[in-house]
Protein backbone atom coordinates (compact mmCIF):
# COMPACT_ATOMS: atom_id res chain seq x y z
CA MET A 1 -19.24 -36.38 41.84
CA ALA A 2 -23.49 -37.25 40.80
CA HIS A 3 -23.80 -33.55 41.56
CA LEU A 4 -21.49 -32.38 39.04
CA PHE A 5 -22.78 -34.51 36.40
CA LEU A 6 -26.34 -32.81 37.30
CA TYR A 7 -25.05 -29.52 37.23
CA THR A 8 -23.10 -29.93 33.71
CA ALA A 9 -26.42 -31.23 32.11
CA VAL A 10 -28.83 -28.19 33.66
CA TYR A 11 -25.99 -25.33 33.47
CA LEU A 12 -22.77 -26.15 31.15
CA ILE A 13 -24.47 -27.46 28.16
CA PRO A 14 -26.80 -24.23 28.52
CA THR A 15 -23.83 -22.03 29.01
CA PHE A 16 -21.78 -24.01 26.07
CA ILE A 17 -24.76 -23.13 23.85
CA MET A 18 -24.90 -19.52 24.68
CA PHE A 19 -21.17 -19.13 24.30
CA TYR A 20 -21.17 -20.74 20.56
CA MET A 21 -23.76 -18.76 19.73
CA ALA A 22 -22.55 -15.43 20.93
CA ILE A 23 -19.40 -16.07 19.08
CA ASP A 24 -20.86 -17.20 15.82
CA ILE A 25 -22.92 -14.32 15.64
CA LEU A 26 -19.81 -11.87 16.29
CA LEU A 27 -17.47 -13.73 13.88
CA ARG A 28 -20.51 -13.03 11.40
CA ASN A 29 -19.62 -9.47 10.77
CA PRO A 30 -17.98 -8.19 14.07
CA LYS A 31 -18.23 -4.59 12.15
CA ARG A 32 -21.84 -4.19 12.35
CA SER A 33 -23.65 -2.94 15.44
CA GLN A 34 -26.65 -5.48 15.62
CA HIS A 35 -23.89 -8.31 15.59
CA ARG A 36 -22.04 -7.09 18.37
CA LEU A 37 -24.93 -6.57 20.73
CA LEU A 38 -26.79 -9.28 20.11
CA SER A 39 -23.57 -11.51 20.73
CA LEU A 40 -22.90 -9.56 24.03
CA PHE A 41 -26.67 -10.03 25.14
CA THR A 42 -25.62 -13.71 24.19
CA PHE A 43 -22.81 -13.95 26.09
CA ALA A 44 -24.63 -12.73 28.99
CA TYR A 45 -27.01 -15.04 29.41
CA GLY A 46 -24.39 -17.56 29.23
CA MET A 47 -22.71 -16.03 31.97
CA LEU A 48 -25.98 -16.74 34.21
CA PHE A 49 -25.83 -20.17 33.65
CA LEU A 50 -22.25 -20.33 34.35
CA GLY A 51 -22.41 -18.23 37.31
CA GLU A 52 -25.44 -20.93 38.55
CA PHE A 53 -22.85 -24.29 37.71
CA PHE A 54 -20.49 -22.50 40.50
CA ARG A 55 -22.71 -20.99 42.83
CA ASN A 56 -24.26 -24.53 43.11
CA ALA A 57 -21.24 -26.19 43.11
CA ALA A 58 -19.37 -23.96 45.85
CA PRO A 59 -20.47 -23.63 49.77
CA VAL A 60 -24.06 -22.22 50.62
CA SER A 61 -22.19 -19.54 52.49
CA MET A 62 -20.74 -18.70 48.94
CA SER A 63 -24.07 -17.79 47.35
CA PRO A 64 -24.55 -14.30 48.44
CA ALA A 65 -21.10 -13.27 46.64
CA PHE A 66 -21.70 -15.36 43.34
CA VAL A 67 -25.09 -13.28 43.47
CA THR A 68 -24.31 -9.99 44.09
CA TYR A 69 -20.95 -10.08 41.74
CA TRP A 70 -21.61 -12.56 39.31
CA PHE A 71 -25.43 -13.59 38.53
CA GLY A 72 -27.30 -9.92 39.04
CA ASN A 73 -24.77 -8.04 36.59
CA ALA A 74 -25.16 -10.33 34.24
CA GLY A 75 -28.68 -9.84 34.31
CA LEU A 76 -28.33 -6.08 34.57
CA LEU A 77 -26.07 -6.41 31.23
CA VAL A 78 -29.00 -9.09 29.65
CA PHE A 79 -31.42 -6.35 30.65
CA SER A 80 -29.49 -3.61 28.53
CA THR A 81 -28.33 -4.96 25.72
CA SER A 82 -31.65 -6.56 24.76
CA LEU A 83 -33.25 -3.11 24.98
CA HIS A 84 -30.53 -1.50 22.97
CA PHE A 85 -30.92 -4.39 20.32
CA ILE A 86 -34.79 -4.18 19.88
CA PHE A 87 -34.21 -0.53 19.62
CA ARG A 88 -31.57 -0.98 16.86
CA ILE A 89 -33.34 -3.64 14.89
CA SER A 90 -36.75 -1.48 14.67
CA ASN A 91 -34.93 1.68 13.82
CA LEU A 92 -36.32 3.41 16.70
CA TRP A 93 -33.16 4.50 17.72
CA LYS A 94 -33.29 6.91 14.84
CA LYS A 95 -36.50 8.40 16.82
CA MET A 96 -34.50 9.22 19.88
CA PRO A 97 -32.48 12.40 21.00
CA ARG A 98 -28.79 11.68 19.65
CA PHE A 99 -27.94 12.44 23.46
CA LEU A 100 -29.87 9.89 25.09
CA TYR A 101 -28.52 7.17 22.69
CA PRO A 102 -27.05 4.82 23.49
CA GLY A 103 -26.03 5.51 26.85
CA ILE A 104 -29.79 5.60 28.23
CA PHE A 105 -30.21 1.70 27.55
CA TYR A 106 -26.88 1.19 29.80
CA VAL A 107 -27.97 3.46 32.96
CA PRO A 108 -29.00 0.11 35.29
CA MET A 109 -25.07 -0.84 34.64
CA VAL A 110 -24.84 1.72 37.60
CA ILE A 111 -26.23 -0.70 39.98
CA VAL A 112 -23.11 -2.52 39.01
CA LEU A 113 -20.56 0.04 40.25
CA ILE A 114 -22.89 0.84 43.31
CA THR A 115 -22.38 -3.24 43.71
CA TYR A 116 -18.49 -2.85 43.84
CA ILE A 117 -18.46 0.61 46.06
CA PHE A 118 -20.97 -0.82 48.88
CA GLN A 119 -20.00 -4.46 48.78
CA THR A 120 -23.99 -5.33 48.69
CA ASN A 121 -26.94 -6.09 46.22
CA VAL A 122 -30.51 -4.87 46.61
CA ILE A 123 -32.21 -6.17 44.09
CA ASN A 124 -31.78 -10.17 44.65
CA SER A 125 -32.19 -12.56 47.42
CA GLN A 126 -29.19 -12.56 49.76
CA GLN A 127 -30.92 -15.60 51.79
CA PHE A 128 -29.80 -19.28 50.42
CA GLU A 129 -30.58 -22.62 51.52
CA ARG A 130 -29.62 -25.93 49.70
CA ILE A 131 -32.22 -28.49 49.11
CA GLY A 132 -31.35 -31.51 47.56
CA SER A 133 -28.88 -30.73 44.69
CA PHE A 134 -29.40 -27.01 43.98
CA ILE A 135 -29.18 -24.06 46.58
CA TYR A 136 -32.18 -21.84 46.58
CA PRO A 137 -32.94 -18.38 46.99
CA GLU A 138 -34.82 -17.43 49.72
CA PHE A 139 -38.38 -16.48 48.17
CA ASN A 140 -39.14 -13.07 50.03
CA ALA A 141 -39.50 -9.52 48.89
CA SER A 142 -36.68 -8.60 47.04
CA TYR A 143 -36.92 -11.73 44.78
CA LEU A 144 -40.27 -10.88 44.05
CA ILE A 145 -39.65 -6.86 43.20
CA THR A 146 -36.87 -7.74 40.86
CA MET A 147 -39.01 -10.54 39.15
CA THR A 148 -41.78 -7.85 38.69
CA VAL A 149 -39.38 -5.35 37.74
CA GLY A 150 -38.10 -8.25 35.28
CA ASN A 151 -41.61 -8.91 33.59
CA VAL A 152 -42.63 -5.36 33.63
CA PHE A 153 -39.39 -4.79 31.23
CA HIS A 154 -40.50 -7.84 29.28
CA LEU A 155 -43.88 -6.27 28.71
CA LEU A 156 -42.46 -3.15 27.74
CA VAL A 157 -40.21 -5.27 25.00
CA ILE A 158 -43.20 -6.85 24.05
CA GLY A 159 -44.80 -3.70 23.41
CA LEU A 160 -41.85 -2.23 21.26
CA LEU A 161 -41.88 -5.16 18.94
CA PHE A 162 -45.38 -4.87 18.89
CA TYR A 163 -44.63 -1.45 17.00
CA ALA A 164 -41.73 -2.51 15.29
CA ARG A 165 -43.85 -4.97 13.96
CA THR A 166 -46.33 -1.98 12.66
CA GLN A 167 -43.37 0.06 11.06
CA LEU A 168 -41.54 -2.47 9.19
CA ARG A 169 -42.58 -3.66 5.64
CA ASP A 170 -39.14 -5.62 4.65
CA THR A 171 -37.95 -9.02 5.60
CA ARG A 172 -37.37 -7.13 9.45
CA ARG A 173 -40.92 -7.75 9.58
CA GLY A 174 -40.73 -11.65 9.73
CA ILE A 175 -38.05 -11.75 11.90
CA ILE A 176 -39.80 -9.12 14.40
CA HIS A 177 -42.79 -11.76 14.06
CA VAL A 178 -40.57 -14.72 15.47
CA LEU A 179 -38.99 -12.88 17.94
CA LEU A 180 -42.59 -11.54 18.98
CA GLY A 181 -43.82 -15.38 19.40
CA VAL A 182 -40.38 -16.24 21.55
CA ALA A 183 -40.82 -12.85 24.11
CA LEU A 184 -44.47 -13.75 24.46
CA LEU A 185 -43.80 -17.35 25.28
CA VAL A 186 -40.33 -16.18 27.28
CA LEU A 187 -43.07 -14.52 29.64
CA VAL A 188 -45.44 -16.77 30.10
CA TRP A 189 -42.01 -19.10 31.22
CA ASP A 190 -40.78 -16.22 33.67
CA VAL A 191 -44.55 -15.56 35.36
CA VAL A 192 -44.85 -19.34 35.93
CA PHE A 193 -41.16 -20.42 37.32
CA GLY A 194 -40.34 -16.86 38.51
CA TYR A 195 -43.39 -16.59 41.06
CA ASN A 196 -43.46 -20.22 41.86
CA SER A 197 -40.27 -21.45 44.32
CA PHE A 198 -40.58 -25.46 42.73
CA TYR A 199 -37.98 -26.06 45.34
CA GLY A 200 -36.72 -29.39 44.55
CA VAL A 201 -38.31 -29.79 41.80
CA MET A 202 -36.80 -27.26 38.72
CA PRO A 203 -33.21 -25.33 39.24
CA PRO A 204 -33.40 -22.50 41.19
CA TYR A 205 -33.94 -19.21 38.84
CA ALA A 206 -35.29 -21.59 36.15
CA TYR A 207 -36.91 -18.71 34.70
CA MET A 208 -33.43 -17.77 33.04
CA TYR A 209 -33.85 -20.92 30.73
CA GLY A 210 -36.16 -18.55 28.49
CA GLY A 211 -32.51 -17.68 27.20
CA LEU A 212 -32.63 -20.99 25.71
CA PHE A 213 -35.94 -19.78 23.84
CA TRP A 214 -34.44 -16.83 22.56
CA ALA A 215 -31.11 -18.70 21.25
CA GLY A 216 -33.69 -20.94 19.19
CA ALA A 217 -35.38 -18.02 17.85
CA LEU A 218 -32.48 -16.67 16.05
CA THR A 219 -31.38 -19.79 14.87
CA ILE A 220 -34.31 -19.52 13.23
CA ALA A 221 -34.48 -16.03 11.89
CA MET A 222 -30.58 -16.56 10.73
CA ARG A 223 -31.85 -19.59 8.86
CA ARG A 224 -35.35 -18.56 7.32
CA PHE A 225 -34.51 -14.89 6.86
CA ASP A 226 -30.83 -14.64 6.57
CA TYR A 227 -30.64 -12.25 9.49
CA LEU A 228 -27.45 -11.86 10.90
CA ALA A 229 -25.95 -13.09 7.31
CA SER A 230 -21.91 -13.58 7.75
CA TYR A 231 -19.28 -12.07 5.71
CA GLN A 232 -19.26 -16.14 4.34
CA LYS A 233 -22.62 -15.75 3.43
CA ARG A 234 -22.45 -12.08 1.69
CA PHE A 235 -19.32 -13.11 -0.32
CA ALA A 236 -21.05 -16.09 -1.50
CA THR A 237 -23.93 -14.29 -2.41
CA LEU A 238 -21.53 -11.69 -4.38
CA TYR A 239 -19.86 -14.26 -5.50
CA ASN A 240 -22.62 -16.09 -7.01
CA LEU A 241 -24.87 -12.95 -8.23
CA ASN A 242 -21.35 -11.09 -9.53
CA PRO A 243 -22.09 -10.61 -13.62
CA SER A 244 -18.56 -10.74 -14.04
CA ALA A 245 -16.64 -14.09 -14.48
CA ILE A 246 -14.42 -15.11 -11.42
CA LEU A 247 -12.17 -17.70 -11.19
CA LEU A 248 -9.90 -19.46 -8.44
CA LEU A 249 -6.76 -20.67 -10.03
CA ASP A 250 -4.11 -22.98 -8.54
CA ARG A 251 -0.38 -21.86 -9.06
CA HIS A 252 -0.60 -23.49 -12.39
CA GLY A 253 -3.14 -22.08 -13.84
CA ARG A 254 -6.04 -24.50 -13.43
CA ILE A 255 -9.66 -23.60 -12.84
CA GLU A 256 -10.52 -24.54 -9.16
CA SER A 257 -13.38 -23.10 -8.38
CA ALA A 258 -15.89 -20.86 -10.96
CA ASN A 259 -18.99 -18.65 -10.45
CA PRO A 260 -21.86 -18.87 -12.45
CA ALA A 261 -21.17 -15.72 -14.65
CA ALA A 262 -17.64 -17.80 -15.38
CA TYR A 263 -19.93 -20.53 -17.03
CA THR A 264 -22.24 -17.98 -18.79
CA LEU A 265 -18.73 -16.23 -20.92
CA LEU A 266 -17.29 -19.15 -21.47
CA LYS A 267 -20.21 -21.02 -22.38
CA GLU A 268 -18.83 -24.09 -20.87
CA GLN A 269 -20.36 -26.60 -18.24
CA GLU A 270 -17.08 -27.96 -16.67
CA LEU A 271 -14.53 -25.75 -15.76
CA LEU A 272 -12.96 -27.17 -12.87
CA GLY A 273 -9.81 -28.86 -13.33
CA HIS A 274 -9.49 -27.42 -16.80
CA PRO A 275 -5.83 -25.13 -17.46
CA PHE A 276 -7.23 -21.13 -17.82
CA VAL A 277 -4.93 -20.79 -20.78
CA ASP A 278 -7.26 -23.51 -22.70
CA TYR A 279 -9.94 -20.82 -23.09
CA LEU A 280 -7.98 -18.01 -24.72
CA PRO A 281 -7.09 -17.99 -28.74
CA GLU A 282 -3.38 -19.84 -29.15
CA LYS A 283 -2.04 -16.30 -29.80
CA LYS A 284 -2.68 -14.95 -26.72
CA GLN A 285 -1.67 -17.75 -24.74
CA ARG A 286 2.29 -17.37 -24.21
CA GLY A 287 1.67 -13.46 -23.34
CA TRP A 288 -0.92 -14.76 -20.42
CA LEU A 289 0.78 -17.35 -18.95
CA GLU A 290 4.20 -15.56 -18.55
CA HIS A 291 1.77 -12.49 -16.96
CA TYR A 292 0.21 -14.87 -14.35
CA GLU A 293 3.57 -16.85 -13.63
CA VAL A 294 5.49 -13.22 -12.61
CA HIS A 295 2.54 -11.82 -10.78
CA PHE A 296 2.14 -15.32 -8.85
CA ALA A 297 5.42 -15.69 -8.01
CA SER A 298 5.85 -12.25 -6.17
CA GLN A 299 2.30 -12.21 -5.05
CA ARG A 300 1.25 -9.07 -6.61
CA LYS A 301 -1.96 -8.20 -8.08
CA PHE A 302 -2.97 -6.84 -11.56
CA ASN A 303 -5.52 -4.71 -13.28
CA GLU A 304 -6.71 -3.91 -16.79
CA TYR A 305 -5.23 -6.98 -18.18
CA GLU A 306 -6.84 -6.90 -21.93
CA THR A 307 -6.60 -10.09 -23.74
CA LYS A 308 -9.59 -12.38 -25.72
CA ILE A 309 -11.01 -15.36 -24.43
CA LEU A 310 -12.32 -18.23 -26.62
CA THR A 311 -16.05 -19.78 -25.99
CA LEU A 312 -17.04 -23.14 -26.50
CA GLU A 313 -18.01 -22.30 -30.11
CA GLN A 314 -14.61 -20.91 -30.57
CA GLN A 315 -16.06 -17.24 -31.24
CA GLU A 316 -13.23 -14.54 -29.79
CA ARG A 317 -14.15 -11.87 -27.00
CA TYR A 318 -12.58 -9.42 -25.57
CA VAL A 319 -12.09 -9.47 -22.00
CA VAL A 320 -10.28 -7.39 -19.26
CA MET A 321 -8.98 -8.88 -16.15
CA ASP A 322 -8.15 -8.20 -12.76
CA ALA A 323 -6.27 -10.40 -10.20
CA ASP A 324 -5.15 -10.84 -6.71
CA PHE A 325 -3.56 -13.66 -4.96
CA VAL A 326 -5.19 -14.85 -1.65
CA PHE A 327 -4.42 -18.07 0.61
CA ILE A 328 -6.68 -20.51 0.64
CA GLU A 329 -6.30 -23.86 2.69
CA GLN A 330 -2.65 -22.89 3.27
CA GLU A 331 -1.57 -22.35 -0.78
CA ILE A 332 -1.75 -19.33 -2.82
CA HIS A 333 -4.56 -19.08 -4.95
CA GLY A 334 -5.24 -16.45 -7.89
CA MET A 335 -8.40 -14.89 -7.88
CA LEU A 336 -9.32 -13.42 -11.32
CA LEU A 337 -11.91 -11.15 -11.91
CA ILE A 338 -13.07 -11.25 -15.89
CA ARG A 339 -15.36 -8.39 -17.41
CA ASP A 340 -16.57 -9.27 -21.04
CA ILE A 341 -16.17 -5.86 -22.95
CA GLN A 342 -17.22 -7.22 -26.48
CA SER A 343 -19.66 -4.65 -26.63
CA PHE A 344 -17.58 -2.28 -25.34
CA LYS A 345 -14.95 -2.99 -28.49
CA GLU A 346 -17.20 -3.34 -30.49
CA ALA A 347 -18.89 0.01 -30.03
CA GLU A 348 -15.30 1.27 -29.86
CA GLN A 349 -14.43 -0.10 -33.39
CA THR A 350 -17.34 1.04 -34.95
CA ILE A 351 -16.78 4.72 -33.73
CA ARG A 352 -13.39 4.45 -35.07
CA PHE A 353 -14.81 3.17 -38.08
CA PHE A 354 -17.53 5.93 -38.58
CA ALA A 355 -14.35 8.52 -37.72
CA TYR A 356 -12.55 7.48 -40.77
CA HIS A 357 -15.37 6.50 -43.13
CA ASP A 358 -18.42 7.43 -44.78
CA PRO A 359 -21.73 6.25 -42.95
CA LEU A 360 -23.12 6.12 -46.32
CA THR A 361 -20.74 4.05 -48.90
CA LYS A 362 -18.57 2.76 -45.65
CA ILE A 363 -15.38 3.69 -47.94
CA PRO A 364 -12.72 6.12 -46.54
CA ASN A 365 -13.94 9.87 -45.65
CA ARG A 366 -12.27 13.14 -46.17
CA ARG A 367 -10.77 13.07 -42.51
CA ASN A 368 -9.22 9.77 -43.82
CA PHE A 369 -8.03 10.72 -47.09
CA TYR A 370 -6.38 13.51 -46.16
CA GLU A 371 -4.27 11.57 -43.09
CA ARG A 372 -3.40 8.84 -45.81
CA ALA A 373 -2.35 11.23 -48.30
CA GLY A 374 -0.37 13.34 -46.35
CA GLN A 375 1.49 10.56 -44.78
CA ALA A 376 1.93 8.99 -48.98
CA ILE A 377 3.56 12.13 -50.03
CA LEU A 378 6.41 11.94 -47.32
CA GLU A 379 6.75 8.24 -47.82
CA GLN A 380 5.88 7.78 -51.94
CA ASP A 381 8.22 9.01 -54.60
CA SER A 382 5.12 10.04 -56.76
CA ILE A 383 1.05 10.38 -55.95
CA THR A 384 -1.59 10.78 -57.77
CA ILE A 385 -4.51 12.93 -57.02
CA VAL A 386 -7.92 12.25 -58.85
CA VAL A 387 -11.13 14.11 -58.08
CA VAL A 388 -14.38 12.32 -59.44
CA ASP A 389 -17.45 14.78 -59.64
CA LEU A 390 -20.81 13.26 -60.55
CA ASP A 391 -22.36 15.21 -62.98
CA GLY A 392 -26.25 15.57 -63.12
CA PHE A 393 -26.47 13.70 -59.80
CA LYS A 394 -29.05 16.63 -58.56
CA GLY A 395 -31.48 15.19 -61.57
CA ILE A 396 -31.34 11.78 -60.40
CA ASN A 397 -32.03 12.37 -56.18
CA ASP A 398 -35.01 14.82 -58.04
CA THR A 399 -36.20 12.65 -60.54
CA TYR A 400 -36.10 9.31 -58.43
CA GLY A 401 -35.64 10.46 -54.83
CA HIS A 402 -33.11 10.81 -51.86
CA GLN A 403 -32.94 6.84 -51.51
CA ILE A 404 -32.56 5.98 -54.92
CA GLY A 405 -29.94 8.75 -54.81
CA ASP A 406 -27.99 6.94 -51.69
CA ALA A 407 -28.10 3.94 -53.59
CA PHE A 408 -26.61 5.35 -56.92
CA LEU A 409 -23.69 6.61 -54.66
CA ILE A 410 -23.40 3.33 -52.90
CA HIS A 411 -22.59 1.77 -56.72
CA LEU A 412 -20.47 4.25 -58.00
CA ALA A 413 -18.11 3.97 -54.44
CA ARG A 414 -17.72 -0.09 -55.24
CA LEU A 415 -17.48 0.83 -58.74
CA LEU A 416 -14.08 3.03 -57.80
CA GLU A 417 -13.22 0.81 -55.17
CA ARG A 418 -12.62 -1.95 -57.29
CA THR A 419 -10.99 -0.15 -59.95
CA VAL A 420 -8.58 1.71 -57.83
CA GLU A 421 -7.91 -1.33 -55.21
CA PRO A 422 -4.55 -2.39 -56.96
CA LEU A 423 -3.23 1.05 -57.38
CA GLY A 424 -4.33 3.37 -53.97
CA PHE A 425 -7.70 3.79 -52.65
CA ALA A 426 -10.75 5.71 -52.92
CA ALA A 427 -12.44 8.10 -50.62
CA ARG A 428 -15.79 10.49 -50.63
CA VAL A 429 -15.32 13.82 -49.74
CA GLY A 430 -18.53 15.42 -50.43
CA GLY A 431 -22.30 14.81 -51.22
CA ASP A 432 -20.99 13.58 -55.42
CA GLU A 433 -17.81 13.91 -54.63
CA PHE A 434 -14.94 11.29 -54.77
CA PHE A 435 -11.00 11.65 -53.84
CA LEU A 436 -8.87 9.11 -55.72
CA LEU A 437 -5.12 8.83 -54.11
CA LEU A 438 -2.75 6.64 -56.73
CA HIS A 439 0.95 5.56 -56.02
CA ASN A 440 3.65 5.93 -58.26
CA GLN A 441 1.55 6.41 -61.89
CA THR A 442 3.55 7.64 -64.81
CA PRO A 443 1.64 10.31 -67.08
CA GLU A 444 0.97 7.22 -69.83
CA GLN A 445 -0.50 4.77 -67.04
CA LEU A 446 -2.47 7.99 -65.73
CA HIS A 447 -4.34 8.08 -69.22
CA GLN A 448 -4.86 4.71 -69.35
CA PHE A 449 -6.69 4.55 -65.67
CA ALA A 450 -8.74 7.52 -66.27
CA THR A 451 -9.68 6.10 -69.60
CA SER A 452 -10.64 2.50 -67.99
CA LEU A 453 -12.55 4.27 -65.26
CA LEU A 454 -14.85 5.78 -67.76
CA GLN A 455 -15.35 2.69 -69.56
CA THR A 456 -16.09 1.01 -66.26
CA PHE A 457 -18.75 3.57 -65.63
CA GLN A 458 -19.98 3.30 -68.83
CA ASP A 459 -20.17 -0.60 -68.61
CA ASN A 460 -21.67 -0.54 -65.46
CA PRO A 461 -24.87 1.76 -64.94
CA PHE A 462 -26.83 1.49 -61.94
CA THR A 463 -29.85 -0.70 -62.57
CA LEU A 464 -33.26 0.36 -61.05
CA ALA A 465 -35.95 -2.21 -61.78
CA GLU A 466 -35.60 -2.53 -65.83
CA GLU A 467 -34.23 1.09 -66.01
CA LEU A 468 -30.74 1.88 -66.32
CA ILE A 469 -29.63 5.12 -65.03
CA GLU A 470 -26.21 6.31 -66.80
CA ILE A 471 -22.90 7.32 -64.42
CA ARG A 472 -21.43 10.14 -66.15
CA THR A 473 -18.34 11.68 -64.00
CA SER A 474 -15.95 14.75 -64.59
CA ILE A 475 -12.67 13.95 -63.75
CA GLY A 476 -9.55 15.82 -62.96
CA LEU A 477 -6.09 14.45 -62.13
CA SER A 478 -2.81 16.19 -60.83
CA TYR A 479 0.49 14.46 -59.36
CA SER A 480 3.56 15.12 -57.66
CA PRO A 481 6.17 16.49 -57.81
CA ASP A 482 5.33 17.99 -61.23
CA HIS A 483 2.06 19.62 -60.01
CA GLY A 484 2.97 20.47 -56.76
CA ILE A 485 4.57 18.91 -53.43
CA SER A 486 1.94 19.89 -51.02
CA LEU A 487 -1.61 17.58 -50.36
CA ASP A 488 -3.44 20.95 -50.69
CA THR A 489 -1.76 22.20 -54.01
CA LEU A 490 -2.68 19.06 -55.71
CA ILE A 491 -6.05 18.88 -54.60
CA HIS A 492 -6.70 22.66 -56.04
CA HIS A 493 -4.90 21.58 -59.50
CA ALA A 494 -6.74 18.26 -59.62
CA ASP A 495 -10.12 20.37 -59.03
CA GLN A 496 -9.01 22.84 -61.71
CA ALA A 497 -8.95 20.06 -64.13
CA MET A 498 -12.07 18.59 -63.25
CA TYR A 499 -13.46 21.97 -63.58
CA HIS A 500 -12.41 22.12 -66.66
CA ILE A 501 -14.23 19.28 -68.29
CA LYS A 502 -17.06 20.19 -66.11
CA TYR A 503 -17.42 23.57 -67.91
CA ASN A 504 -16.40 21.69 -71.36
CA GLY A 505 -18.38 19.47 -72.21
CA LYS A 506 -18.78 16.72 -68.69
CA ASN A 507 -18.36 13.28 -68.43
CA GLY A 508 -14.40 12.90 -69.62
CA TYR A 509 -11.12 13.40 -67.99
CA ARG A 510 -8.60 15.75 -67.72
CA ILE A 511 -4.74 15.88 -66.49
CA HIS A 512 -3.82 19.30 -64.85
CA ASP A 513 -1.70 21.44 -67.47
CA THR A 514 2.02 20.94 -67.33
CA LEU A 515 5.14 21.82 -69.32
CA ASP A 516 5.54 18.15 -70.57
CA SER A 517 4.31 18.91 -74.00
CA VAL A 518 3.91 14.69 -74.35
CA GLN A 519 0.92 15.01 -72.08
CA ARG A 520 -0.32 18.22 -72.99
CA PRO A 521 -2.37 16.97 -76.61
CA SER A 522 -3.68 13.86 -74.63
CA GLU A 523 -5.48 15.95 -72.47
CA GLY A 524 -8.63 17.83 -72.80
CA GLY A 525 -10.66 15.87 -74.81
CA SER A 526 -14.37 15.04 -73.32
CA ARG A 527 -15.71 11.43 -73.39
C-alpha cells in the first residue's frame, strides 16, 4: 500500500497535470493545428508517467512489455509532435517542400509499427531489476544510445528555437524566448539524470520529469503572452473591443450584460438589471416589446431592426439592431447587437434635403416644385403659378460682389416664404428666378396677393451696412383651369405674363391674358 501512495505522488499527479493541460489546450481552440499538436504532445508526456505507474506497480517480468508497447511508443510520439510544433509555431514549415510536410515529422512512428510486427523494441533496455520501491532498467548500451539520440534531438530543437527567435519580431518572439530557456533547462536535466543511474535515489527514467518544466513554460506563455488563446478569451476580446453595443437580455428584456460600447452609446453608468425598453423613446417602446417577445418565443433571430434609442441626456439616436437567442446557464437569452446609424441617417437626410432644396436659400428647388405642383393639380380645384424674376440682379452682383448677391437672394427667399406660407410655398428654380404655388385663389385674391407681395419687397429692402438695396421684381401669374390644365402650360403662361412686365417698365405684376373682362382692366400696370 505504501508503494501505491508513492507511485501516486511521483507518477499519477504528474499524469493528471499533463492530461489536464492537454484537455485545456485542445478545448481552447480544437480547430487550430497548434492547439492539437501541443495537446497531443502533452498527452503523450502524460502517458509516459501513467505507463511508469503501471509498470512499477506490476511484477518485474512485465516491465519489458510495458516499455515495448507503451513507454517507448509514447516517447516517440513526444519526439514527433514536439518537432512538428516547433516548426509550426516558428513558421519554418512554410520553407519546407510540400511533399515533406508534415509527414517527415512522423517517420519515427514507423518504429511503432515495427514494434508490433516483430514484437520487440530495440531502442530501450529490456533488462530490469527492482531496487527498493522502483523497477529500474539496466544501464546498458541500448539505454545509453536511446538517451544520446534523444539529447541530439534536443539540441536540434534548441537550434531551431534559436533560429526562430532571430526570425520573429512579434509576440511570438517572447514565447520562443520562454520555450528556449526551458529547452536549455530540460537538456541539462536530461544529461544529469539520463546518464547517471541514481538507483534507489530517483525514480527510473527521471529525465522524463523535464516534461513538467515544459508544462510550466506553456502556462507562463499562455498567461503572459496570451498564447493559445481560448475561444472564450477571443470572444471576450471581441465583446469588449467591438465598436457596436452588445447587450445580453433575459426573457423579460432586462439587461444582464453590456459591453463598453453599450455604456458609451447609452451614456449610462448603470445598465445591468434595467429593462432595455426604458432606453427607447416612448413612441417606440410598444413596437419593440412586441417584436422582441415574438422572436424570443420562437427563438428566431432578426436583423436590421431600425428604431431609436434615448440617451441619458434624452437625446434620440437612430440605431439598427440584430439579435439571436442563445442558451446561457440553461436559460434562453437574447444577444442584441446595436449599431449607431445616427450619422448615416443625418447624412441621408442631408442628401435627401438637398435633392429637393436649393443649397443657398434652403427653400424647395425646381425638382421639388415640379413634383409638388404636379400633385397639387390632381388634388386641388385650382392652383396658381407665380413667376418672380429679379430686376437688375446682375448689377447687384457686379457692384457688390457675388457674396452680397447670395445674401440678397437669401433675404428675398425669406420674404417669399413668409408671404406665401399660408397659401402655398415658394421655390428657387434658377439663379434669380423663383416660382410660387398658391392653392384655390380667386382672381381678386390674386390681385391682392401680388400687390401685397410688391409692397412687402418695398418695405423690406436688403440692408448692407447703412446702405439699402431695393428689391425690384417682375411677376407673372397664371391659374388653372382657365389658363391651362397642365403644369407646363401654366408655367409658360405665367412666364409670358412676367416677361410682359419685364419689357414694359419692370417692378410690377401681370396675370396672364384671359377673356374675363373683369380681370383685364386691372392687369398690365407696372408698379
